[in-house]
Amino acid sequence: MKKYERITVKDIGPVWVSRSRTAHKVRIIIKPSGEVHLTIPYSIPVTRGIEFAEKKKDWILKHLENQQEQKQQTPHFLPGTGFNTRMHQVTIKSHTQNSFYYVVEHQVTQIFIPDSEPPESQRAQDWIKKALEETWRREAKLMLPERVMKLSDENNFPYPKTTIRNAKTRWGSCSSSGNINLSLYLMRLPDALIDFIILHELTHLIHPNHSEAFHSHLNSLCGGKEKALNKWLRTFKMDDYRMYYAINTKNSNEEKQGNTIK
């Protein structure tokens, strides 16, 4: 488990610093919570790592600003509303009991909020999001490993072990042992982007880097559309709870506006 040291960097604020034996360069990650994490290889002095963060101040502050704007745009989920995930009908209800709970079964997710709790409160909204995450997790376990197997077979890749995680910084990853991790948040995305992310990770089984050979191979698997799919993927935020799975590649920008939770 990583050990973190909390420091304060001028004009940035709190930064969580960790040392890594495997990293080859300094890396900055902005967590969904807004925490700034700085990973510094043991081969590089901490002071140089902090200097790097200071040089990236504008990038960090812009990212934090964008993150805050995204949070403000995240929809409120209110009792009496309903919507669908890929496999479940979701309903939010208020009740007289003084407890939060949800039930996910038989293609239905029911979320219950105490009527004494303001539905717009952070506590209520966090609970609703937790129920959605559990719904997506169950759907992901049913859908994604099967999709990995199909794409592996079609493109002559070895079938890897597939794990579903509640990752909020990466859509997917491929371990050095050849295992693929996929975020449950993929269940929000259109099919074309889910396949693109899976193909990206499968390509890492052959090319464990982002070399020209990697991109050439991935581009061939995507019918020459790697750059276009990457550009489209960047329009989706992982900490956004809207669902876009019904969008296809045609008129995607227009449809994206029409398939959100209001």
Protein backbone atom coordinates (compact mmCIF):
# COMPACT_ATOMS: atom_id res chain seq x y z
CA MET A 1 0.00 0.00 0.00
CA LYS A 2 1.35 3.42 -0.97
CA LYS A 3 2.35 5.91 1.70
CA TYR A 4 1.39 9.51 1.05
CA GLU A 5 2.79 12.71 2.49
CA ARG A 6 0.62 15.80 2.41
CA ILE A 7 2.46 18.97 1.46
CA THR A 8 1.35 22.45 0.43
CA VAL A 9 2.49 23.79 -2.94
CA LYS A 10 2.31 27.53 -3.54
CA ASP A 11 -0.72 28.61 -5.61
CA ILE A 12 -1.93 25.00 -5.83
CA GLY A 13 -2.68 24.05 -2.24
CA PRO A 14 -2.55 20.56 -0.70
CA VAL A 15 -0.71 17.94 -2.74
CA TRP A 16 -0.39 14.26 -1.79
CA VAL A 17 3.11 12.98 -2.58
CA SER A 18 4.08 9.33 -2.94
CA ARG A 19 7.33 7.63 -3.97
CA SER A 20 7.40 4.83 -6.53
CA ARG A 21 10.00 2.18 -7.32
CA THR A 22 8.38 1.31 -10.66
CA ALA A 23 7.60 4.77 -12.06
CA HIS A 24 10.07 6.20 -14.58
CA LYS A 25 8.87 9.79 -14.52
CA VAL A 26 6.99 12.22 -12.30
CA ARG A 27 3.23 11.88 -12.65
CA ILE A 28 0.37 14.15 -11.57
CA ILE A 29 -3.13 12.75 -11.09
CA ILE A 30 -6.22 14.75 -10.15
CA LYS A 31 -8.58 12.47 -8.25
CA PRO A 32 -12.38 12.77 -8.67
CA SER A 33 -12.45 14.10 -5.09
CA GLY A 34 -10.27 17.04 -6.20
CA GLU A 35 -7.13 15.74 -4.47
CA VAL A 36 -3.89 16.40 -6.35
CA HIS A 37 -1.57 13.36 -6.25
CA LEU A 38 2.10 13.60 -7.20
CA THR A 39 4.02 10.35 -7.82
CA ILE A 40 7.81 10.70 -7.82
CA PRO A 41 10.23 7.89 -8.79
CA TYR A 42 12.91 7.08 -6.21
CA SER A 43 15.47 8.00 -8.87
CA ILE A 44 14.29 11.62 -8.82
CA PRO A 45 14.67 13.95 -5.79
CA VAL A 46 11.44 15.08 -4.16
CA THR A 47 12.40 18.71 -4.73
CA ARG A 48 12.51 18.15 -8.50
CA GLY A 49 9.12 16.48 -8.36
CA ILE A 50 7.66 19.48 -6.54
CA GLU A 51 9.29 21.83 -9.07
CA PHE A 52 7.56 19.84 -11.81
CA ALA A 53 4.20 20.32 -10.09
CA GLU A 54 4.86 24.06 -9.79
CA LYS A 55 5.62 24.25 -13.52
CA LYS A 56 2.34 22.45 -14.19
CA LYS A 57 0.39 24.84 -11.94
CA ASP A 58 -1.75 26.27 -14.75
CA TRP A 59 -2.65 22.79 -15.99
CA ILE A 60 -3.56 21.62 -12.47
CA LEU A 61 -5.70 24.67 -11.70
CA LYS A 62 -7.48 24.43 -15.06
CA HIS A 63 -8.19 20.75 -14.47
CA LEU A 64 -9.58 21.48 -11.00
CA GLU A 65 -11.74 24.27 -12.43
CA ASN A 66 -13.11 21.96 -15.13
CA GLN A 67 -13.76 19.30 -12.53
CA GLN A 68 -15.74 21.74 -10.40
CA GLU A 69 -17.79 22.85 -13.42
CA GLN A 70 -18.50 19.22 -14.21
CA LYS A 71 -19.74 18.59 -10.68
CA GLN A 72 -22.09 21.55 -10.95
CA GLN A 73 -23.49 20.09 -14.18
CA THR A 74 -24.02 16.64 -12.67
CA PRO A 75 -27.79 16.12 -12.48
CA HIS A 76 -29.74 15.93 -9.26
CA PHE A 77 -31.65 12.67 -8.89
CA LEU A 78 -35.01 13.34 -7.25
CA PRO A 79 -37.75 11.10 -5.77
CA GLY A 80 -40.51 10.43 -8.24
CA THR A 81 -38.15 10.30 -11.20
CA GLY A 82 -37.29 7.22 -13.19
CA PHE A 83 -34.87 6.27 -15.94
CA ASN A 84 -33.21 3.23 -17.45
CA THR A 85 -29.72 1.81 -17.40
CA ARG A 86 -28.83 -0.84 -19.97
CA MET A 87 -30.56 -3.64 -18.07
CA HIS A 88 -32.50 -2.03 -15.23
CA GLN A 89 -35.39 0.32 -14.72
CA VAL A 90 -34.40 2.73 -11.95
CA THR A 91 -36.90 4.43 -9.66
CA ILE A 92 -36.22 6.81 -6.77
CA LYS A 93 -38.77 6.96 -3.97
CA SER A 94 -39.12 8.77 -0.66
CA HIS A 95 -40.43 6.81 2.32
CA THR A 96 -41.31 7.37 5.96
CA GLN A 97 -38.53 5.20 7.40
CA ASN A 98 -35.44 6.96 8.68
CA SER A 99 -33.05 4.97 6.51
CA PHE A 100 -31.42 4.90 3.09
CA TYR A 101 -31.53 1.65 1.16
CA TYR A 102 -31.78 0.25 -2.34
CA VAL A 103 -32.82 -3.03 -3.97
CA VAL A 104 -31.35 -4.30 -7.25
CA GLU A 105 -33.18 -7.33 -8.64
CA HIS A 106 -35.21 -8.60 -11.59
CA GLN A 107 -34.03 -5.81 -13.91
CA VAL A 108 -35.30 -3.18 -11.49
CA THR A 109 -33.35 -0.88 -9.16
CA GLN A 110 -35.41 0.78 -6.42
CA ILE A 111 -33.75 3.51 -4.37
CA PHE A 112 -35.36 4.73 -1.15
CA ILE A 113 -34.65 8.07 0.51
CA PRO A 114 -36.11 9.16 3.90
CA ASP A 115 -38.72 11.85 3.36
CA SER A 116 -37.05 13.75 6.20
CA GLU A 117 -33.87 14.09 4.10
CA PRO A 118 -33.68 16.88 1.49
CA PRO A 119 -33.31 14.97 -1.80
CA GLU A 120 -30.79 17.53 -3.11
CA SER A 121 -28.52 16.99 -0.08
CA GLN A 122 -25.06 15.56 -0.68
CA ARG A 123 -25.92 12.59 1.52
CA ALA A 124 -29.00 11.69 -0.54
CA GLN A 125 -27.26 12.22 -3.87
CA ASP A 126 -24.26 10.14 -2.79
CA TRP A 127 -26.56 7.30 -1.78
CA ILE A 128 -28.36 7.37 -5.13
CA LYS A 129 -25.00 7.30 -6.93
CA LYS A 130 -23.93 4.34 -4.79
CA ALA A 131 -27.05 2.45 -5.90
CA LEU A 132 -26.31 3.31 -9.54
CA GLU A 133 -22.73 2.09 -9.15
CA GLU A 134 -23.97 -1.24 -7.79
CA THR A 135 -26.41 -1.50 -10.70
CA TRP A 136 -23.66 -0.81 -13.22
CA ARG A 137 -21.33 -3.26 -11.46
CA ARG A 138 -23.83 -6.10 -11.86
CA GLU A 139 -24.47 -5.19 -15.48
CA ALA A 140 -20.75 -4.92 -16.19
CA LYS A 141 -20.07 -8.39 -14.79
CA LEU A 142 -22.70 -9.82 -17.11
CA MET A 143 -21.75 -7.90 -20.24
CA LEU A 144 -18.08 -6.93 -20.30
CA PRO A 145 -16.25 -10.28 -19.85
CA GLU A 146 -18.43 -11.72 -22.61
CA ARG A 147 -17.58 -8.77 -24.85
CA VAL A 148 -13.86 -9.19 -24.11
CA MET A 149 -14.09 -12.85 -25.07
CA LYS A 150 -15.87 -12.05 -28.35
CA LEU A 151 -13.39 -9.35 -29.37
CA SER A 152 -10.47 -11.57 -28.35
CA ASP A 153 -11.74 -14.39 -30.55
CA GLU A 154 -12.48 -12.12 -33.51
CA ASN A 155 -9.03 -10.52 -33.44
CA ASN A 156 -6.88 -13.52 -32.44
CA PHE A 157 -5.92 -12.29 -28.98
CA PRO A 158 -5.43 -14.65 -26.04
CA TYR A 159 -8.46 -14.44 -23.77
CA PRO A 160 -7.37 -12.53 -20.63
CA LYS A 161 -8.76 -12.61 -17.13
CA THR A 162 -11.17 -9.68 -16.87
CA THR A 163 -11.90 -7.83 -13.63
CA ILE A 164 -14.55 -5.16 -13.08
CA ARG A 165 -13.46 -2.31 -10.82
CA ASN A 166 -14.93 0.94 -9.50
CA ALA A 167 -12.17 2.90 -11.22
CA LYS A 168 -12.81 6.62 -11.65
CA THR A 169 -9.58 7.71 -13.32
CA ARG A 170 -9.16 5.07 -16.06
CA TRP A 171 -11.73 3.39 -18.27
CA GLY A 172 -9.49 0.34 -18.46
CA SER A 173 -6.00 -0.98 -17.84
CA CYS A 174 -3.86 -3.99 -18.69
CA SER A 175 -1.54 -5.47 -16.06
CA SER A 176 1.97 -6.77 -16.71
CA SER A 177 0.61 -10.29 -16.20
CA GLY A 178 -1.90 -9.82 -19.02
CA ASN A 179 -5.05 -9.26 -16.98
CA ILE A 180 -7.53 -6.61 -18.08
CA ASN A 181 -9.30 -4.31 -15.63
CA LEU A 182 -12.41 -2.45 -16.79
CA SER A 183 -14.27 0.32 -15.00
CA LEU A 184 -17.93 -0.28 -14.22
CA TYR A 185 -18.54 3.22 -15.61
CA LEU A 186 -18.17 1.78 -19.11
CA MET A 187 -21.82 0.80 -18.77
CA ARG A 188 -22.73 4.45 -19.34
CA LEU A 189 -20.99 4.58 -22.71
CA PRO A 190 -22.12 3.77 -26.26
CA ASP A 191 -21.25 0.28 -27.51
CA ALA A 192 -18.70 1.63 -30.00
CA LEU A 193 -16.65 3.22 -27.23
CA ILE A 194 -16.88 0.17 -24.98
CA ASP A 195 -15.45 -1.93 -27.81
CA PHE A 196 -12.78 0.69 -28.48
CA ILE A 197 -11.64 0.64 -24.84
CA ILE A 198 -11.57 -3.16 -24.78
CA LEU A 199 -9.60 -3.29 -28.04
CA HIS A 200 -7.18 -0.71 -26.60
CA GLU A 201 -6.48 -2.97 -23.62
CA LEU A 202 -6.30 -6.12 -25.74
CA THR A 203 -3.71 -4.44 -27.95
CA HIS A 204 -1.59 -3.92 -24.82
CA LEU A 205 -1.31 -7.72 -24.59
CA ILE A 206 0.90 -7.47 -27.70
CA HIS A 207 2.33 -3.96 -27.25
CA PRO A 208 2.72 -3.08 -23.52
CA ASN A 209 3.26 0.60 -24.32
CA HIS A 210 1.90 3.37 -26.54
CA SER A 211 4.46 3.02 -29.31
CA GLU A 212 3.82 3.61 -33.02
CA ALA A 213 3.39 -0.15 -33.38
CA PHE A 214 0.68 -0.09 -30.69
CA HIS A 215 -1.27 2.71 -32.37
CA SER A 216 -0.88 1.15 -35.81
CA HIS A 217 -2.23 -2.17 -34.54
CA LEU A 218 -5.13 -0.56 -32.66
CA ASN A 219 -5.99 1.66 -35.63
CA SER A 220 -6.22 -1.40 -37.87
CA LEU A 221 -8.59 -3.05 -35.39
CA CYS A 222 -10.76 0.08 -35.37
CA GLY A 223 -11.07 0.34 -39.13
CA GLY A 224 -8.77 3.36 -39.25
CA LYS A 225 -10.84 5.29 -36.69
CA GLU A 226 -8.58 5.28 -33.63
CA LYS A 227 -8.13 9.07 -33.56
CA ALA A 228 -11.82 9.75 -34.12
CA LEU A 229 -12.85 7.31 -31.37
CA ASN A 230 -10.27 8.76 -28.98
CA LYS A 231 -11.61 12.24 -29.65
CA TRP A 232 -15.17 11.08 -29.03
CA LEU A 233 -14.17 9.28 -25.82
CA ARG A 234 -12.60 12.46 -24.45
CA THR A 235 -16.03 14.13 -24.50
CA PHE A 236 -17.20 11.78 -21.72
CA LYS A 237 -16.25 12.35 -18.07
CA MET A 238 -15.91 9.44 -15.68
CA ASP A 239 -17.44 11.30 -12.72
CA ASP A 240 -20.55 12.21 -14.72
CA TYR A 241 -23.51 9.97 -13.87
CA ARG A 242 -25.44 10.67 -17.06
CA MET A 243 -26.06 7.66 -19.28
CA TYR A 244 -25.19 7.73 -22.97
CA TYR A 245 -25.34 4.05 -23.86
CA ALA A 246 -28.14 4.61 -26.43
CA ILE A 247 -25.98 6.90 -28.58
CA ASN A 248 -24.61 5.58 -31.86
CA THR A 249 -21.79 7.04 -33.91
CA LYS A 250 -24.12 9.00 -36.20
CA ASN A 251 -25.09 12.46 -35.01
CA SER A 252 -23.38 11.66 -31.71
CA ASN A 253 -23.15 15.28 -30.56
CA GLU A 254 -26.86 15.90 -31.09
CA GLU A 255 -27.88 12.63 -29.48
CA LYS A 256 -25.58 13.21 -26.54
CA GLN A 257 -27.66 16.24 -25.62
CA GLY A 258 -30.85 14.20 -25.75
CA ASN A 259 -29.90 11.13 -23.72
CA THR A 260 -29.17 12.64 -20.35
CA ILE A 261 -30.85 12.30 -16.99
CA LYS A 262 -32.73 15.48 -16.31
